[in-house]
N, C-alpha and C. Protein backbone atom coordinates (compact mmCIF):
# COMPACT_ATOMS: atom_id res chain seq x y z
N UNK A 1 35.10 10.89 -8.45
CA UNK A 1 34.61 11.59 -7.27
C UNK A 1 33.35 10.90 -6.76
N UNK A 2 33.19 10.92 -5.46
CA UNK A 2 32.05 10.26 -4.81
C UNK A 2 30.90 11.26 -4.68
N UNK A 3 29.72 10.82 -5.12
CA UNK A 3 28.55 11.69 -5.02
C UNK A 3 27.47 10.97 -4.24
N UNK A 4 26.99 11.58 -3.18
CA UNK A 4 25.92 10.97 -2.37
C UNK A 4 24.57 11.37 -2.95
N UNK A 5 23.74 10.35 -3.19
CA UNK A 5 22.39 10.60 -3.69
C UNK A 5 21.45 10.83 -2.52
N UNK A 6 20.52 11.76 -2.69
CA UNK A 6 19.51 11.94 -1.66
C UNK A 6 18.41 10.89 -1.87
N UNK A 7 17.73 10.57 -0.81
CA UNK A 7 16.61 9.64 -0.91
C UNK A 7 15.37 10.39 -1.36
N UNK A 8 14.69 9.83 -2.34
CA UNK A 8 13.43 10.39 -2.79
C UNK A 8 12.37 9.32 -2.59
N UNK A 9 11.30 9.69 -1.88
CA UNK A 9 10.22 8.75 -1.65
C UNK A 9 9.03 9.16 -2.52
N UNK A 10 8.50 8.18 -3.22
CA UNK A 10 7.33 8.40 -4.07
C UNK A 10 6.13 7.76 -3.38
N UNK A 11 4.94 8.29 -3.63
CA UNK A 11 3.74 7.76 -2.99
C UNK A 11 2.69 7.37 -4.03
N UNK A 12 2.00 6.28 -3.74
CA UNK A 12 0.88 5.83 -4.54
C UNK A 12 -0.31 5.62 -3.63
N UNK A 13 -1.49 5.93 -4.10
CA UNK A 13 -2.71 5.63 -3.36
C UNK A 13 -3.28 4.35 -3.93
N UNK A 14 -3.38 3.33 -3.10
CA UNK A 14 -3.89 2.02 -3.53
C UNK A 14 -5.14 1.68 -2.75
N UNK A 15 -6.06 0.98 -3.39
CA UNK A 15 -7.25 0.46 -2.72
C UNK A 15 -7.22 -1.05 -2.78
N UNK A 16 -7.40 -1.67 -1.60
CA UNK A 16 -7.44 -3.13 -1.52
C UNK A 16 -8.70 -3.57 -0.83
N UNK A 17 -9.01 -4.87 -0.97
CA UNK A 17 -10.22 -5.38 -0.34
C UNK A 17 -10.01 -6.79 0.19
N UNK A 18 -10.92 -7.20 1.05
CA UNK A 18 -10.90 -8.54 1.63
C UNK A 18 -12.31 -8.88 2.10
N UNK A 19 -12.61 -10.15 2.10
CA UNK A 19 -13.89 -10.60 2.66
C UNK A 19 -13.71 -11.03 4.12
N UNK A 20 -12.48 -10.90 4.65
CA UNK A 20 -12.15 -11.37 6.00
C UNK A 20 -12.09 -10.23 7.01
N UNK A 21 -11.23 -9.22 6.73
CA UNK A 21 -11.03 -8.12 7.69
C UNK A 21 -10.28 -6.98 7.02
N UNK A 22 -10.24 -5.82 7.72
CA UNK A 22 -9.44 -4.70 7.22
C UNK A 22 -7.96 -5.06 7.25
N UNK A 23 -7.52 -5.73 8.31
CA UNK A 23 -6.10 -6.13 8.40
C UNK A 23 -5.73 -7.02 7.23
N UNK A 24 -6.59 -7.97 6.88
CA UNK A 24 -6.33 -8.86 5.75
C UNK A 24 -6.25 -8.06 4.45
N UNK A 25 -7.11 -7.07 4.30
CA UNK A 25 -7.07 -6.22 3.11
C UNK A 25 -5.75 -5.47 3.02
N UNK A 26 -5.26 -4.97 4.15
CA UNK A 26 -3.98 -4.26 4.18
C UNK A 26 -2.83 -5.19 3.79
N UNK A 27 -2.78 -6.35 4.44
CA UNK A 27 -1.70 -7.32 4.18
C UNK A 27 -1.71 -7.76 2.72
N UNK A 28 -2.88 -8.10 2.18
CA UNK A 28 -2.97 -8.54 0.78
C UNK A 28 -2.53 -7.44 -0.19
N UNK A 29 -2.93 -6.20 0.09
CA UNK A 29 -2.57 -5.09 -0.79
C UNK A 29 -1.06 -4.88 -0.81
N UNK A 30 -0.43 -4.94 0.36
CA UNK A 30 1.03 -4.80 0.43
C UNK A 30 1.72 -5.95 -0.30
N UNK A 31 1.24 -7.18 -0.10
CA UNK A 31 1.83 -8.34 -0.78
C UNK A 31 1.75 -8.19 -2.30
N UNK A 32 0.60 -7.79 -2.80
CA UNK A 32 0.44 -7.62 -4.25
C UNK A 32 1.30 -6.48 -4.78
N UNK A 33 1.32 -5.36 -4.06
CA UNK A 33 2.12 -4.21 -4.50
C UNK A 33 3.61 -4.54 -4.54
N UNK A 34 4.07 -5.34 -3.59
CA UNK A 34 5.50 -5.65 -3.51
C UNK A 34 5.96 -6.55 -4.66
N UNK A 35 5.02 -7.14 -5.39
CA UNK A 35 5.40 -7.96 -6.56
C UNK A 35 5.88 -7.09 -7.72
N UNK A 36 5.44 -5.83 -7.77
CA UNK A 36 5.83 -4.97 -8.89
C UNK A 36 6.48 -3.65 -8.45
N UNK A 37 6.50 -3.37 -7.14
CA UNK A 37 7.11 -2.13 -6.64
C UNK A 37 8.26 -2.50 -5.70
N UNK A 38 9.45 -2.00 -6.01
CA UNK A 38 10.62 -2.25 -5.17
C UNK A 38 10.74 -1.18 -4.09
N UNK A 39 11.44 -1.51 -3.03
CA UNK A 39 11.84 -0.57 -1.98
C UNK A 39 10.65 0.09 -1.26
N UNK A 40 9.60 -0.69 -1.00
CA UNK A 40 8.48 -0.15 -0.21
C UNK A 40 9.00 0.20 1.17
N UNK A 41 8.72 1.43 1.61
CA UNK A 41 9.30 1.89 2.87
C UNK A 41 8.25 2.26 3.92
N UNK A 42 7.01 2.53 3.50
CA UNK A 42 6.00 2.90 4.49
C UNK A 42 4.60 2.77 3.91
N UNK A 43 3.63 2.64 4.81
CA UNK A 43 2.23 2.72 4.42
C UNK A 43 1.49 3.56 5.45
N UNK A 44 0.48 4.24 4.98
CA UNK A 44 -0.42 4.95 5.88
C UNK A 44 -1.83 4.55 5.47
N UNK A 45 -2.62 4.12 6.44
CA UNK A 45 -4.01 3.79 6.17
C UNK A 45 -4.78 5.10 6.09
N UNK A 46 -5.27 5.42 4.90
CA UNK A 46 -5.97 6.67 4.67
C UNK A 46 -7.44 6.54 5.04
N UNK A 47 -8.04 5.40 4.66
CA UNK A 47 -9.46 5.21 4.92
C UNK A 47 -9.79 3.72 4.99
N UNK A 48 -10.75 3.39 5.81
CA UNK A 48 -11.31 2.05 5.89
C UNK A 48 -12.81 2.18 5.69
N UNK A 49 -13.38 1.27 4.90
CA UNK A 49 -14.83 1.26 4.71
C UNK A 49 -15.26 -0.17 4.40
N UNK A 50 -16.57 -0.38 4.37
CA UNK A 50 -17.07 -1.74 4.15
C UNK A 50 -18.41 -1.71 3.44
N UNK A 51 -18.70 -2.83 2.76
CA UNK A 51 -20.03 -3.06 2.19
C UNK A 51 -20.80 -3.90 3.21
N UNK A 52 -22.04 -3.51 3.45
CA UNK A 52 -22.88 -4.21 4.43
C UNK A 52 -24.04 -4.88 3.70
N UNK A 53 -24.35 -6.09 4.12
CA UNK A 53 -25.54 -6.78 3.63
C UNK A 53 -26.36 -7.17 4.86
N UNK A 54 -27.47 -6.50 5.07
CA UNK A 54 -28.25 -6.73 6.29
C UNK A 54 -27.48 -6.21 7.48
N UNK A 55 -27.09 -7.12 8.37
CA UNK A 55 -26.30 -6.71 9.54
C UNK A 55 -24.88 -7.29 9.49
N UNK A 56 -24.45 -7.71 8.31
CA UNK A 56 -23.16 -8.38 8.16
C UNK A 56 -22.26 -7.63 7.19
N UNK A 57 -20.97 -7.52 7.53
CA UNK A 57 -20.00 -6.93 6.60
C UNK A 57 -19.69 -7.95 5.51
N UNK A 58 -19.93 -7.55 4.27
CA UNK A 58 -19.67 -8.41 3.11
C UNK A 58 -18.23 -8.28 2.62
N UNK A 59 -17.74 -7.03 2.57
CA UNK A 59 -16.41 -6.78 2.04
C UNK A 59 -15.79 -5.57 2.74
N UNK A 60 -14.51 -5.73 3.08
CA UNK A 60 -13.73 -4.68 3.74
C UNK A 60 -12.84 -4.00 2.70
N UNK A 61 -12.78 -2.67 2.74
CA UNK A 61 -11.94 -1.91 1.81
C UNK A 61 -10.97 -1.03 2.59
N UNK A 62 -9.75 -0.89 2.07
CA UNK A 62 -8.77 0.03 2.64
C UNK A 62 -8.14 0.86 1.52
N UNK A 63 -7.93 2.14 1.80
CA UNK A 63 -7.14 3.00 0.93
C UNK A 63 -5.82 3.20 1.64
N UNK A 64 -4.73 2.87 0.95
CA UNK A 64 -3.39 2.97 1.53
C UNK A 64 -2.55 3.98 0.77
N UNK A 65 -1.84 4.81 1.50
CA UNK A 65 -0.81 5.67 0.92
C UNK A 65 0.49 4.88 1.06
N UNK A 66 0.97 4.36 -0.06
CA UNK A 66 2.14 3.50 -0.08
C UNK A 66 3.36 4.33 -0.46
N UNK A 67 4.38 4.33 0.39
CA UNK A 67 5.61 5.06 0.11
C UNK A 67 6.71 4.09 -0.30
N UNK A 68 7.47 4.47 -1.32
CA UNK A 68 8.61 3.66 -1.71
C UNK A 68 9.75 4.57 -2.16
N UNK A 69 10.97 4.10 -1.91
CA UNK A 69 12.16 4.88 -2.23
C UNK A 69 12.57 4.62 -3.67
N UNK A 70 12.86 5.69 -4.40
CA UNK A 70 13.32 5.55 -5.78
C UNK A 70 14.78 5.12 -5.80
N UNK A 71 15.12 4.24 -6.73
CA UNK A 71 16.51 3.82 -6.92
C UNK A 71 17.16 4.79 -7.90
N UNK A 72 17.86 5.78 -7.37
CA UNK A 72 18.45 6.82 -8.21
C UNK A 72 19.72 6.36 -8.93
N UNK A 73 20.23 5.17 -8.57
CA UNK A 73 21.43 4.66 -9.23
C UNK A 73 21.09 3.83 -10.46
N UNK A 74 19.83 3.48 -10.63
CA UNK A 74 19.42 2.65 -11.77
C UNK A 74 19.47 3.47 -13.06
N UNK A 75 20.02 2.88 -14.09
CA UNK A 75 20.14 3.55 -15.40
C UNK A 75 18.92 3.30 -16.25
């Protein structure tokens, strides 16, 4: 008999950083996460912040809510 599995999405809160920009921090974090997490389906930028030295941004930080679909057929 055929059984349809429902999709279940799991979420992780990840923090990434970059010395270039917030966009670079987002892209790097997704690239790194995709090396160990399969089926990434969405991201939401929860927060952006930075370290300042004088009048210059030293480091950009992003908190991402990363969504990925669970593989319910895996044993």
